[in-house]
Amino acid sequence: MFKIKVERIVKAPIENVFEAISDHASYALYPSVGIAKLLSEGDEERNGKGALRTVETGVFKVWERITEFKRPVHMQYKIERAKPLKMDHYKGIIDLKDLGDGTTHVTWVSEGKMAVPLIGRFLDSKMQKQGTSVFHSMLKSIESR
């Protein structure tokens, strides 16, 4: 099982940070992410609850559904499908807190298991390391916008 938890204080207002994290189109600006596409819009907001999007990093592609969306403080998602390797995703949570000085505290959690016989544990370790790196990179790049 992989458990990714990234906490970071981002030197940007909470509204800007939330928009950068929740808007699929902004993912193209992150060096650690390749392509993100919105497959279906959310119930009340384009990228909000109910939205389905794909995110590609290298050869790995996931289909993630936004399951909760409370602008600008909270978002949850679930990875419904992954390729070329299968994944069971249990939790994807992003919480933001306005620190009152133009900075935002972000907590990003993702948990799951690579559903691959024999090498699943090895892949979980890789996913944990890679996911942590990608989330850190994304949050760092928000500051430079």
Protein backbone atom coordinates (compact mmCIF):
# COMPACT_ATOMS: atom_id res chain seq x y z
CA MET A 1 0.00 0.00 0.00
CA PHE A 2 1.23 3.50 -0.74
CA LYS A 3 0.56 6.45 1.54
CA ILE A 4 1.52 9.87 0.27
CA LYS A 5 1.22 12.92 2.49
CA VAL A 6 2.67 16.24 1.45
CA GLU A 7 2.37 19.36 3.59
CA ARG A 8 3.68 22.67 2.37
CA ILE A 9 3.23 26.36 2.97
CA VAL A 10 2.73 27.95 -0.44
CA LYS A 11 3.55 31.65 -0.84
CA ALA A 12 0.32 32.49 -2.65
CA PRO A 13 -3.25 33.40 -1.65
CA ILE A 14 -5.60 30.49 -0.96
CA GLU A 15 -7.86 31.29 -3.94
CA ASN A 16 -4.90 31.14 -6.35
CA VAL A 17 -3.61 27.89 -4.86
CA PHE A 18 -7.02 26.21 -4.98
CA GLU A 19 -7.60 27.29 -8.56
CA ALA A 20 -4.17 26.00 -9.63
CA ILE A 21 -4.80 22.62 -7.99
CA SER A 22 -8.41 22.16 -9.04
CA ASP A 23 -8.29 23.40 -12.64
CA HIS A 24 -7.28 20.54 -14.93
CA ALA A 25 -6.07 22.99 -17.61
CA SER A 26 -3.40 24.41 -15.30
CA TYR A 27 -1.76 20.99 -15.00
CA ALA A 28 -0.01 21.57 -18.33
CA LEU A 29 2.05 24.26 -16.56
CA TYR A 30 3.59 21.75 -14.14
CA PRO A 31 6.87 20.20 -15.32
CA SER A 32 6.06 17.00 -13.39
CA VAL A 33 2.71 16.49 -15.15
CA GLY A 34 2.28 15.83 -18.83
CA ILE A 35 -1.30 16.16 -20.00
CA ALA A 36 -4.60 16.63 -18.18
CA LYS A 37 -7.98 16.50 -19.91
CA LEU A 38 -11.47 17.08 -18.62
CA LEU A 39 -13.69 14.21 -19.81
CA SER A 40 -16.89 15.37 -18.12
CA GLU A 41 -17.73 18.52 -16.21
CA GLY A 42 -18.75 18.65 -12.58
CA ASP A 43 -22.29 19.08 -11.30
CA GLU A 44 -22.02 22.75 -10.29
CA GLU A 45 -18.55 23.80 -11.43
CA ARG A 46 -16.59 22.71 -14.46
CA ASN A 47 -13.82 21.09 -12.39
CA GLY A 48 -16.01 20.52 -9.32
CA LYS A 49 -17.76 17.56 -7.74
CA GLY A 50 -18.59 14.90 -10.30
CA ALA A 51 -15.94 16.00 -12.83
CA LEU A 52 -13.93 13.23 -14.47
CA ARG A 53 -10.45 13.97 -15.78
CA THR A 54 -7.38 12.16 -16.98
CA VAL A 55 -3.90 13.04 -15.82
CA GLU A 56 -0.78 11.70 -17.52
CA THR A 57 2.74 11.68 -16.14
CA GLY A 58 5.08 9.93 -18.52
CA VAL A 59 3.59 6.59 -19.50
CA PHE A 60 1.31 6.47 -16.44
CA LYS A 61 -2.27 7.66 -16.89
CA VAL A 62 -5.08 7.93 -14.34
CA TRP A 63 -8.77 8.69 -14.56
CA GLU A 64 -9.82 10.62 -11.48
CA ARG A 65 -13.27 11.63 -10.32
CA ILE A 66 -13.76 14.67 -8.10
CA THR A 67 -15.89 13.45 -5.17
CA GLU A 68 -15.96 16.57 -2.96
CA PHE A 69 -15.36 20.20 -3.86
CA LYS A 70 -15.55 23.07 -1.36
CA ARG A 71 -13.94 26.16 -2.83
CA PRO A 72 -11.30 27.26 -1.73
CA VAL A 73 -10.54 24.92 1.17
CA HIS A 74 -11.17 21.28 0.29
CA MET A 75 -11.22 18.82 -2.57
CA GLN A 76 -11.39 15.03 -2.71
CA TYR A 77 -10.85 12.69 -5.62
CA LYS A 78 -10.76 9.00 -6.38
CA ILE A 79 -8.70 7.38 -9.07
CA GLU A 80 -11.17 5.13 -10.87
CA ARG A 81 -8.76 3.65 -13.38
CA ALA A 82 -5.04 3.62 -14.14
CA LYS A 83 -2.87 2.31 -16.95
CA PRO A 84 -0.64 0.64 -17.88
CA LEU A 85 -0.74 -0.70 -14.29
CA LYS A 86 -3.87 -1.29 -12.23
CA MET A 87 -4.39 0.59 -9.01
CA ASP A 88 -6.86 0.43 -6.14
CA HIS A 89 -7.18 4.01 -4.90
CA TYR A 90 -8.69 4.56 -1.46
CA LYS A 91 -8.22 8.22 -0.71
CA GLY A 92 -7.31 11.52 -2.38
CA ILE A 93 -7.72 14.62 -0.21
CA ILE A 94 -6.44 18.17 -0.60
CA ASP A 95 -7.02 20.61 2.26
CA LEU A 96 -6.02 24.28 2.20
CA LYS A 97 -5.84 26.77 5.05
CA ASP A 98 -5.45 30.52 4.64
CA LEU A 99 -2.66 31.62 6.96
CA GLY A 100 -3.72 35.27 6.73
CA ASP A 101 -0.48 36.65 5.35
CA GLY A 102 -0.91 35.80 1.68
CA THR A 103 0.30 32.24 2.22
CA THR A 104 -1.59 28.95 2.22
CA HIS A 105 -0.96 25.74 4.13
CA VAL A 106 -1.66 22.75 1.87
CA THR A 107 -2.07 19.14 2.96
CA TRP A 108 -2.29 16.63 0.10
CA VAL A 109 -2.97 12.97 0.86
CA SER A 110 -3.26 10.04 -1.53
CA GLU A 111 -3.53 6.38 -0.53
CA GLY A 112 -3.94 3.22 -2.50
CA LYS A 113 -2.38 0.01 -3.68
CA MET A 114 -0.87 -1.05 -6.96
CA ALA A 115 -2.92 -4.09 -7.96
CA VAL A 116 -0.15 -6.05 -9.65
CA PRO A 117 0.62 -9.61 -8.50
CA LEU A 118 4.12 -10.38 -7.21
CA ILE A 119 5.57 -6.87 -7.65
CA GLY A 120 2.76 -4.81 -6.10
CA ARG A 121 4.74 -3.90 -2.96
CA PHE A 122 7.71 -2.79 -5.02
CA LEU A 123 5.42 -0.64 -7.19
CA ASP A 124 3.71 0.82 -4.09
CA SER A 125 7.11 2.01 -2.91
CA LYS A 126 7.81 3.57 -6.31
CA MET A 127 4.36 5.20 -6.40
CA GLN A 128 4.85 6.66 -2.92
CA LYS A 129 8.20 8.16 -3.88
CA GLN A 130 7.05 9.43 -7.30
CA GLY A 131 3.73 10.79 -6.00
CA THR A 132 5.44 12.68 -3.20
CA SER A 133 7.85 14.20 -5.70
CA VAL A 134 5.07 15.19 -8.12
CA PHE A 135 2.91 16.80 -5.41
CA HIS A 136 5.89 18.76 -4.00
CA SER A 137 6.85 19.89 -7.49
CA MET A 138 3.31 21.06 -8.29
CA LEU A 139 2.99 23.06 -5.07
CA LYS A 140 6.44 24.60 -5.53
CA SER A 141 5.63 25.69 -9.08
CA ILE A 142 2.41 27.44 -7.95
CA GLU A 143 4.60 29.96 -6.10
CA SER A 144 6.46 30.92 -9.28
CA ARG A 145 3.35 31.84 -11.24
